[in-house]
Amino acid sequence: MVTSESMMEFPFEWGSTVRVKANEAKLLASVCGFRLVETQSVADEYSAEIGEYLVLVEFSDGDTKEIPASQLERLPE
């Protein structure tokens, strides 16, 4: 469950631009939301760790995807 306390730990701001590290093209996307990985099945599905954030990002073509926060790089404003 995401609480006001856990939101303080979230490494990105809504609308901020991020780069997808794992992508050869280093695609850029905008942060649209996030959720905490709380179960092993979700962790396995996204190759993430329990307690890590999944970040919902939107690409310039309108496509959206949840990506583990560890696979994103925050760009300077």
C-alpha atoms as a PDB file:
ATOM      1  CA  MET A   1       0.000   0.000   0.000  1.00  0.00           C
ATOM      2  CA  VAL A   2       1.254   3.443  -0.898  1.00  0.00           C
ATOM      3  CA  THR A   3       1.059   5.843   2.034  1.00  0.00           C
ATOM      4  CA  SER A   4       1.977   9.488   2.440  1.00  0.00           C
ATOM      5  CA  GLU A   5       5.194   8.311   4.090  1.00  0.00           C
ATOM      6  CA  SER A   6       6.145   6.025   1.197  1.00  0.00           C
ATOM      7  CA  MET A   7       5.389   8.826  -1.279  1.00  0.00           C
ATOM      8  CA  MET A   8       8.206  10.781   0.360  1.00  0.00           C
ATOM      9  CA  GLU A   9      10.600   7.989  -0.725  1.00  0.00           C
ATOM     10  CA  PHE A  10       9.415   7.940  -4.370  1.00  0.00           C
ATOM     11  CA  PRO A  11      12.409   8.950  -6.498  1.00  0.00           C
ATOM     12  CA  PHE A  12      10.464  10.721  -9.269  1.00  0.00           C
ATOM     13  CA  GLU A  13       7.870  13.486  -9.537  1.00  0.00           C
ATOM     14  CA  TRP A  14       4.685  13.208 -11.575  1.00  0.00           C
ATOM     15  CA  GLY A  15       5.283  14.592 -15.045  1.00  0.00           C
ATOM     16  CA  SER A  16       9.064  14.446 -14.758  1.00  0.00           C
ATOM     17  CA  THR A  17      11.002  13.150 -17.740  1.00  0.00           C
ATOM     18  CA  VAL A  18      12.909   9.898 -17.333  1.00  0.00           C
ATOM     19  CA  ARG A  19      15.142   7.796 -19.556  1.00  0.00           C
ATOM     20  CA  VAL A  20      14.659   4.028 -19.808  1.00  0.00           C
ATOM     21  CA  LYS A  21      18.113   2.576 -19.037  1.00  0.00           C
ATOM     22  CA  ALA A  22      17.468  -0.925 -20.379  1.00  0.00           C
ATOM     23  CA  ASN A  23      16.426   0.335 -23.816  1.00  0.00           C
ATOM     24  CA  GLU A  24      19.128   0.640 -26.502  1.00  0.00           C
ATOM     25  CA  ALA A  25      17.452   3.764 -27.898  1.00  0.00           C
ATOM     26  CA  LYS A  26      17.396   5.311 -24.383  1.00  0.00           C
ATOM     27  CA  LEU A  27      13.732   6.219 -24.822  1.00  0.00           C
ATOM     28  CA  LEU A  28      12.352   9.172 -22.904  1.00  0.00           C
ATOM     29  CA  ALA A  29       9.029   9.035 -21.059  1.00  0.00           C
ATOM     30  CA  SER A  30       6.929  11.022 -18.590  1.00  0.00           C
ATOM     31  CA  VAL A  31       6.092   9.724 -15.105  1.00  0.00           C
ATOM     32  CA  CYS A  32       2.329   9.198 -14.719  1.00  0.00           C
ATOM     33  CA  GLY A  33       2.126   7.197 -11.492  1.00  0.00           C
ATOM     34  CA  PHE A  34       3.653   4.487  -9.373  1.00  0.00           C
ATOM     35  CA  ARG A  35       2.922   1.555  -7.106  1.00  0.00           C
ATOM     36  CA  LEU A  36       4.932  -0.468  -4.637  1.00  0.00           C
ATOM     37  CA  VAL A  37       5.789  -4.081  -5.437  1.00  0.00           C
ATOM     38  CA  GLU A  38       4.192  -5.985  -2.550  1.00  0.00           C
ATOM     39  CA  THR A  39       4.053  -9.613  -3.709  1.00  0.00           C
ATOM     40  CA  GLN A  40       6.513 -12.089  -5.154  1.00  0.00           C
ATOM     41  CA  SER A  41       4.290 -12.724  -8.179  1.00  0.00           C
ATOM     42  CA  VAL A  42       4.390  -9.025  -9.149  1.00  0.00           C
ATOM     43  CA  ALA A  43       8.136  -8.925  -8.474  1.00  0.00           C
ATOM     44  CA  ASP A  44       8.645 -11.910 -10.766  1.00  0.00           C
ATOM     45  CA  GLU A  45       6.431 -10.453 -13.500  1.00  0.00           C
ATOM     46  CA  TYR A  46       8.452  -7.215 -13.651  1.00  0.00           C
ATOM     47  CA  SER A  47      11.894  -8.556 -12.689  1.00  0.00           C
ATOM     48  CA  ALA A  48      11.754  -6.314  -9.631  1.00  0.00           C
ATOM     49  CA  GLU A  49      12.250  -6.674  -5.896  1.00  0.00           C
ATOM     50  CA  ILE A  50       9.547  -6.595  -3.242  1.00  0.00           C
ATOM     51  CA  GLY A  51       9.552  -3.049  -1.854  1.00  0.00           C
ATOM     52  CA  GLU A  52      10.697  -1.523  -5.144  1.00  0.00           C
ATOM     53  CA  TYR A  53       8.494   0.926  -7.038  1.00  0.00           C
ATOM     54  CA  LEU A  54       6.946   0.226 -10.414  1.00  0.00           C
ATOM     55  CA  VAL A  55       6.656   3.490 -12.301  1.00  0.00           C
ATOM     56  CA  LEU A  56       3.909   4.051 -14.850  1.00  0.00           C
ATOM     57  CA  VAL A  57       5.425   6.030 -17.714  1.00  0.00           C
ATOM     58  CA  GLU A  58       3.967   7.409 -20.923  1.00  0.00           C
ATOM     59  CA  PHE A  59       6.004   7.560 -24.111  1.00  0.00           C
ATOM     60  CA  SER A  60       5.675  10.244 -26.800  1.00  0.00           C
ATOM     61  CA  ASP A  61       3.498   7.935 -28.922  1.00  0.00           C
ATOM     62  CA  GLY A  62       0.969   7.663 -26.064  1.00  0.00           C
ATOM     63  CA  ASP A  63       1.950   4.105 -25.117  1.00  0.00           C
ATOM     64  CA  THR A  64       2.208   3.440 -21.374  1.00  0.00           C
ATOM     65  CA  LYS A  65       4.198   0.851 -19.459  1.00  0.00           C
ATOM     66  CA  GLU A  66       5.077  -0.009 -15.861  1.00  0.00           C
ATOM     67  CA  ILE A  67       8.839  -0.172 -15.379  1.00  0.00           C
ATOM     68  CA  PRO A  68      10.837  -0.827 -12.184  1.00  0.00           C
ATOM     69  CA  ALA A  69      12.271   2.434 -10.820  1.00  0.00           C
ATOM     70  CA  SER A  70      15.761   0.905 -10.895  1.00  0.00           C
ATOM     71  CA  GLN A  71      15.525   0.780 -14.719  1.00  0.00           C
ATOM     72  CA  LEU A  72      14.802   4.505 -15.030  1.00  0.00           C
ATOM     73  CA  GLU A  73      17.131   7.475 -14.941  1.00  0.00           C
ATOM     74  CA  ARG A  74      15.865  10.867 -13.843  1.00  0.00           C
ATOM     75  CA  LEU A  75      16.812  13.681 -16.199  1.00  0.00           C
ATOM     76  CA  PRO A  76      17.806  17.097 -14.930  1.00  0.00           C
ATOM     77  CA  GLU A  77      15.063  19.701 -15.146  1.00  0.00           C
END
